[in-house]
N, C-alpha and C. Protein backbone atom coordinates (compact mmCIF):
# COMPACT_ATOMS: atom_id res chain seq x y z
N MET A 1 170.06 -61.78 43.88
CA MET A 1 170.81 -61.93 42.51
C MET A 1 172.18 -62.26 42.90
N ALA A 2 172.77 -63.06 41.97
CA ALA A 2 174.09 -63.50 42.12
C ALA A 2 175.02 -62.23 41.43
N LYS A 3 176.14 -62.25 42.05
CA LYS A 3 177.16 -61.03 41.59
C LYS A 3 177.36 -61.12 40.25
N ARG A 4 177.73 -59.97 39.50
CA ARG A 4 177.99 -60.22 38.07
C ARG A 4 179.57 -60.68 37.95
N THR A 5 179.92 -61.50 36.90
CA THR A 5 181.26 -61.83 36.83
C THR A 5 181.93 -60.49 36.10
N VAL A 6 183.26 -60.22 36.68
CA VAL A 6 183.89 -59.16 36.23
C VAL A 6 185.02 -59.50 35.05
N VAL A 7 184.77 -58.87 34.00
CA VAL A 7 185.77 -59.30 32.83
C VAL A 7 186.49 -57.82 32.50
N TRP A 8 187.78 -57.87 32.53
CA TRP A 8 188.56 -56.76 32.06
C TRP A 8 188.87 -57.08 30.60
N THR A 9 188.74 -55.97 29.74
CA THR A 9 189.11 -55.99 28.42
C THR A 9 190.51 -56.02 28.54
N GLU A 10 191.24 -56.36 27.20
CA GLU A 10 192.67 -56.39 27.07
C GLU A 10 193.14 -54.79 27.50
N THR A 11 192.49 -53.85 26.81
CA THR A 11 192.86 -52.58 26.99
C THR A 11 192.71 -52.17 28.14
N ALA A 12 191.69 -52.27 28.91
CA ALA A 12 191.64 -51.88 30.43
C ALA A 12 192.53 -52.48 31.31
N ALA A 13 192.80 -53.66 30.97
CA ALA A 13 193.94 -54.39 31.94
C ALA A 13 195.32 -53.70 31.62
N ARG A 14 195.63 -53.55 30.23
CA ARG A 14 196.95 -52.95 29.97
C ARG A 14 197.04 -51.64 30.56
N GLN A 15 195.87 -50.90 30.31
CA GLN A 15 195.94 -49.35 31.18
C GLN A 15 196.06 -49.56 32.80
N ARG A 16 195.49 -50.38 33.29
CA ARG A 16 195.78 -50.54 34.65
C ARG A 16 197.15 -50.91 35.10
N ARG A 17 197.78 -51.97 34.41
CA ARG A 17 199.04 -52.39 34.44
C ARG A 17 200.18 -51.32 34.34
N GLU A 18 199.92 -50.52 33.36
CA GLU A 18 200.71 -49.35 32.96
C GLU A 18 200.58 -48.24 34.19
N ILE A 19 199.43 -47.87 34.55
CA ILE A 19 199.34 -47.06 35.67
C ILE A 19 199.98 -47.45 36.90
N LEU A 20 199.72 -48.62 37.31
CA LEU A 20 200.47 -49.37 38.34
C LEU A 20 201.86 -49.21 38.26
N LYS A 21 202.63 -49.84 37.12
CA LYS A 21 203.92 -49.68 36.91
C LYS A 21 204.46 -48.32 36.91
N TYR A 22 203.60 -47.21 36.37
CA TYR A 22 204.18 -45.96 36.52
C TYR A 22 204.58 -45.61 37.96
N TRP A 23 203.39 -45.79 38.73
CA TRP A 23 203.57 -45.30 40.42
C TRP A 23 204.59 -46.14 40.95
N VAL A 24 204.71 -47.28 40.58
CA VAL A 24 205.70 -48.04 41.39
C VAL A 24 207.18 -47.42 41.11
N GLN A 25 207.26 -47.18 39.82
CA GLN A 25 208.64 -46.70 39.48
C GLN A 25 208.75 -45.11 39.94
N ARG A 26 207.71 -44.54 39.98
CA ARG A 26 207.76 -43.18 40.32
C ARG A 26 208.30 -42.87 41.97
N ASN A 27 207.27 -43.89 42.65
CA ASN A 27 207.54 -43.63 44.15
C ASN A 27 208.78 -44.43 44.56
N GLY A 28 209.21 -45.64 43.87
CA GLY A 28 209.95 -46.55 44.24
C GLY A 28 209.63 -47.58 45.21
N THR A 29 208.20 -47.57 45.43
CA THR A 29 207.59 -48.51 46.18
C THR A 29 206.20 -48.93 45.76
N LYS A 30 205.76 -50.07 46.31
CA LYS A 30 204.59 -50.45 45.76
C LYS A 30 203.30 -50.00 46.73
N THR A 31 203.48 -49.32 47.60
CA THR A 31 202.50 -48.72 48.55
C THR A 31 201.26 -48.10 47.93
N TYR A 32 201.48 -46.99 47.00
CA TYR A 32 200.59 -46.62 46.26
C TYR A 32 199.71 -47.48 45.46
N ALA A 33 200.54 -47.99 44.54
CA ALA A 33 200.05 -49.17 43.76
C ALA A 33 198.98 -49.99 44.33
N GLU A 34 199.47 -50.61 45.52
CA GLU A 34 198.60 -51.40 46.36
C GLU A 34 197.50 -50.79 46.84
N LYS A 35 197.45 -49.40 47.30
CA LYS A 35 196.38 -48.67 47.52
C LYS A 35 195.38 -48.48 46.63
N LEU A 36 195.99 -48.21 45.19
CA LEU A 36 194.98 -48.13 44.18
C LEU A 36 194.35 -49.43 43.74
N ILE A 37 194.98 -50.61 43.91
CA ILE A 37 194.35 -51.86 43.50
C ILE A 37 193.26 -52.10 44.55
N LYS A 38 193.51 -51.85 45.88
CA LYS A 38 192.39 -52.07 46.81
C LYS A 38 191.22 -51.19 46.66
N LEU A 39 191.34 -49.68 46.32
CA LEU A 39 190.22 -49.04 45.92
C LEU A 39 189.63 -49.12 44.89
N THR A 40 190.35 -49.69 43.60
CA THR A 40 189.72 -50.06 42.53
C THR A 40 188.73 -51.45 42.85
N SER A 41 189.27 -52.29 43.59
CA SER A 41 188.61 -53.61 43.93
C SER A 41 187.32 -53.19 44.54
N GLU A 42 187.22 -52.36 45.68
CA GLU A 42 186.17 -51.72 46.30
C GLU A 42 185.15 -51.28 45.51
N GLN A 43 185.34 -50.24 44.62
CA GLN A 43 184.78 -49.61 43.65
C GLN A 43 183.81 -50.75 42.73
N ILE A 44 184.84 -51.56 42.24
CA ILE A 44 184.16 -52.56 41.33
C ILE A 44 183.16 -53.50 42.09
N LYS A 45 183.15 -53.72 43.25
CA LYS A 45 182.10 -54.18 44.05
C LYS A 45 180.88 -53.51 44.10
N VAL A 46 181.09 -52.18 44.47
CA VAL A 46 179.87 -51.29 44.23
C VAL A 46 179.14 -51.37 43.01
N ILE A 47 180.05 -51.27 41.81
CA ILE A 47 179.40 -51.43 40.60
C ILE A 47 178.80 -52.42 40.41
N GLN A 48 179.43 -53.79 40.69
CA GLN A 48 178.73 -54.97 40.45
C GLN A 48 177.30 -55.08 41.23
N SER A 49 177.21 -54.41 42.36
CA SER A 49 175.75 -54.60 42.86
C SER A 49 174.83 -53.51 42.28
N ASN A 50 175.20 -52.70 41.86
CA ASN A 50 174.50 -51.50 41.32
C ASN A 50 175.19 -50.77 40.09
N PRO A 51 175.17 -51.39 39.11
CA PRO A 51 175.84 -50.69 37.82
C PRO A 51 175.16 -49.38 37.29
N LYS A 52 173.89 -49.23 37.53
CA LYS A 52 173.16 -48.10 37.09
C LYS A 52 173.55 -46.91 38.03
N LEU A 53 174.28 -46.98 39.06
CA LEU A 53 174.32 -46.00 40.13
C LEU A 53 175.17 -44.87 39.56
N PHE A 54 176.16 -45.34 38.66
CA PHE A 54 177.13 -44.14 38.01
C PHE A 54 176.64 -43.68 36.87
N LYS A 55 177.17 -42.54 36.53
CA LYS A 55 176.70 -41.81 35.16
C LYS A 55 176.97 -42.52 33.90
N LYS A 56 176.20 -42.27 32.87
CA LYS A 56 176.46 -42.86 31.58
C LYS A 56 177.58 -41.83 30.98
N ALA A 57 178.38 -42.60 30.15
CA ALA A 57 179.64 -41.99 29.59
C ALA A 57 178.93 -41.34 28.28
N ASP A 58 179.67 -40.54 27.47
CA ASP A 58 179.52 -39.92 26.06
C ASP A 58 179.99 -41.01 25.31
N PHE A 59 179.69 -42.42 25.43
CA PHE A 59 179.82 -43.40 24.45
C PHE A 59 179.01 -44.54 24.72
N PRO A 60 178.45 -45.05 23.63
CA PRO A 60 177.15 -45.90 23.69
C PRO A 60 177.24 -47.10 24.75
N ASP A 61 176.25 -47.29 25.52
CA ASP A 61 176.24 -48.30 26.52
C ASP A 61 177.30 -48.26 27.64
N THR A 62 178.01 -47.20 27.78
CA THR A 62 179.03 -47.19 28.81
C THR A 62 178.84 -46.40 29.95
N HIS A 63 179.03 -46.66 31.05
CA HIS A 63 179.20 -45.96 32.34
C HIS A 63 180.47 -45.57 32.83
N VAL A 64 180.63 -44.61 33.78
CA VAL A 64 181.78 -44.15 34.18
C VAL A 64 181.84 -43.93 35.58
N SER A 65 182.67 -44.66 36.35
CA SER A 65 182.87 -44.42 37.78
C SER A 65 184.09 -43.74 38.25
N ALA A 66 183.91 -42.58 38.83
CA ALA A 66 185.13 -41.80 39.27
C ALA A 66 185.60 -42.43 40.38
N LEU A 67 187.07 -42.31 40.53
CA LEU A 67 187.96 -42.71 41.37
C LEU A 67 189.03 -41.99 41.84
N GLY A 68 188.89 -40.68 42.30
CA GLY A 68 189.85 -39.80 42.45
C GLY A 68 190.44 -39.24 41.13
N HIS A 69 191.67 -39.53 40.97
CA HIS A 69 192.32 -39.25 39.37
C HIS A 69 192.04 -40.23 38.40
N PHE A 70 191.24 -41.16 38.69
CA PHE A 70 191.23 -42.25 37.69
C PHE A 70 189.69 -42.53 37.55
N SER A 71 189.35 -43.01 36.51
CA SER A 71 187.84 -43.48 36.16
C SER A 71 187.94 -44.93 35.72
N ILE A 72 186.84 -45.61 36.02
CA ILE A 72 186.71 -47.03 35.66
C ILE A 72 185.52 -46.81 34.63
N LEU A 73 185.53 -47.26 33.38
CA LEU A 73 184.53 -47.19 32.28
C LEU A 73 184.21 -48.66 32.12
N TYR A 74 182.83 -48.89 31.99
CA TYR A 74 182.23 -50.23 32.09
C TYR A 74 181.09 -50.43 31.31
N LYS A 75 180.58 -51.53 30.99
CA LYS A 75 179.41 -51.83 30.44
C LYS A 75 178.93 -53.17 31.29
N PHE A 76 177.61 -53.36 31.14
CA PHE A 76 177.14 -54.40 31.81
C PHE A 76 176.00 -55.23 31.43
N THR A 77 175.98 -56.36 31.68
CA THR A 77 174.59 -57.30 31.20
C THR A 77 174.21 -57.69 32.64
N LYS A 78 173.10 -58.64 32.53
CA LYS A 78 172.47 -59.22 33.67
C LYS A 78 173.59 -60.03 34.44
N ASP A 79 174.62 -60.81 33.82
CA ASP A 79 175.59 -61.57 34.44
C ASP A 79 176.91 -61.00 34.22
N THR A 80 177.14 -60.15 33.55
CA THR A 80 178.58 -59.61 33.26
C THR A 80 178.88 -58.24 33.68
N LEU A 81 179.89 -57.87 34.19
CA LEU A 81 180.35 -56.35 34.23
C LEU A 81 181.66 -56.34 33.52
N ILE A 82 181.76 -55.74 32.47
CA ILE A 82 182.82 -55.66 31.39
C ILE A 82 183.67 -54.13 31.69
N ILE A 83 184.76 -54.30 31.98
CA ILE A 83 185.59 -53.06 32.46
C ILE A 83 186.36 -52.78 30.91
N THR A 84 185.77 -51.81 30.36
CA THR A 84 186.49 -51.30 29.24
C THR A 84 187.56 -50.55 29.10
N ALA A 85 187.70 -49.67 30.31
CA ALA A 85 189.00 -48.85 30.43
C ALA A 85 189.00 -48.36 31.75
N PHE A 86 190.52 -48.20 32.30
CA PHE A 86 190.86 -47.77 33.37
C PHE A 86 191.66 -46.49 33.17
N TRP A 87 191.10 -45.24 33.32
CA TRP A 87 191.67 -44.07 32.90
C TRP A 87 192.22 -43.13 33.81
N ASP A 88 193.32 -42.62 33.56
CA ASP A 88 193.91 -41.48 34.39
C ASP A 88 193.39 -40.21 33.91
N ASN A 89 192.39 -39.52 34.63
CA ASN A 89 191.73 -38.35 34.12
C ASN A 89 192.56 -37.21 33.87
N ARG A 90 193.90 -37.33 34.25
CA ARG A 90 194.67 -36.15 33.94
C ARG A 90 195.14 -36.11 32.28
N GLN A 91 194.83 -37.23 31.68
CA GLN A 91 195.11 -37.26 30.25
C GLN A 91 194.18 -36.78 29.35
N ASP A 92 194.62 -36.50 28.24
CA ASP A 92 193.63 -35.75 27.19
C ASP A 92 192.45 -36.81 26.99
N PRO A 93 191.19 -36.22 27.20
CA PRO A 93 190.09 -37.27 27.09
C PRO A 93 189.78 -37.68 25.60
N LYS A 94 190.45 -36.95 24.46
CA LYS A 94 190.21 -37.35 23.31
C LYS A 94 190.95 -38.79 23.04
N LYS A 95 192.04 -38.80 23.70
CA LYS A 95 192.72 -40.17 23.65
C LYS A 95 191.82 -41.17 24.05
N LEU A 96 191.11 -41.03 25.01
CA LEU A 96 190.36 -42.00 25.56
C LEU A 96 189.29 -42.33 24.74
N LEU A 97 188.50 -41.36 24.06
CA LEU A 97 187.51 -41.70 22.93
C LEU A 97 188.10 -42.48 21.93
N ASP A 98 189.47 -42.22 21.38
CA ASP A 98 189.97 -43.00 20.26
C ASP A 98 190.11 -44.43 20.79
N ILE A 99 190.58 -44.77 21.96
CA ILE A 99 190.87 -46.07 22.60
C ILE A 99 189.64 -46.72 22.56
N LEU A 100 188.58 -46.10 23.10
CA LEU A 100 187.13 -46.90 23.19
C LEU A 100 186.65 -47.15 21.67
N LYS A 101 186.78 -46.20 20.79
CA LYS A 101 186.31 -46.42 19.30
C LYS A 101 186.95 -47.68 18.80
N LYS A 102 188.31 -47.67 18.97
CA LYS A 102 189.09 -49.09 18.57
C LYS A 102 188.65 -50.11 19.05
N THR A 103 188.51 -50.18 20.51
CA THR A 103 188.05 -51.38 21.37
C THR A 103 186.66 -51.81 20.91
N ASN A 104 185.85 -50.83 20.72
CA ASN A 104 184.45 -51.13 20.34
C ASN A 104 184.28 -51.73 18.99
N SER A 105 185.23 -51.48 18.05
CA SER A 105 185.16 -51.79 16.67
C SER A 105 185.62 -53.29 16.43
N LYS A 106 186.38 -53.88 17.44
CA LYS A 106 186.89 -55.17 17.29
C LYS A 106 185.83 -56.28 17.52
């Protein structure tokens, strides 16, 4: 089976950019951000090959893969892996639910 194409929603891409920017500014170096990019990429490869491996989220057709302090929320089809959110788990989970509702209603 061919690998699924990975598509980041605008919301997920923005969340990831903001998190990476935060860590670069906080640490004054790109080292942690680059490490997080590598970990995320590796995790997405695992998700691509077996998307049912990770638990279902409390949102329709969505799964969640934990990555330390972060979570990758995604949906999938036979050919596509759709990253719907890249979430810092230290935030209020109600905020994530609101974001997912808005994203899903578009």
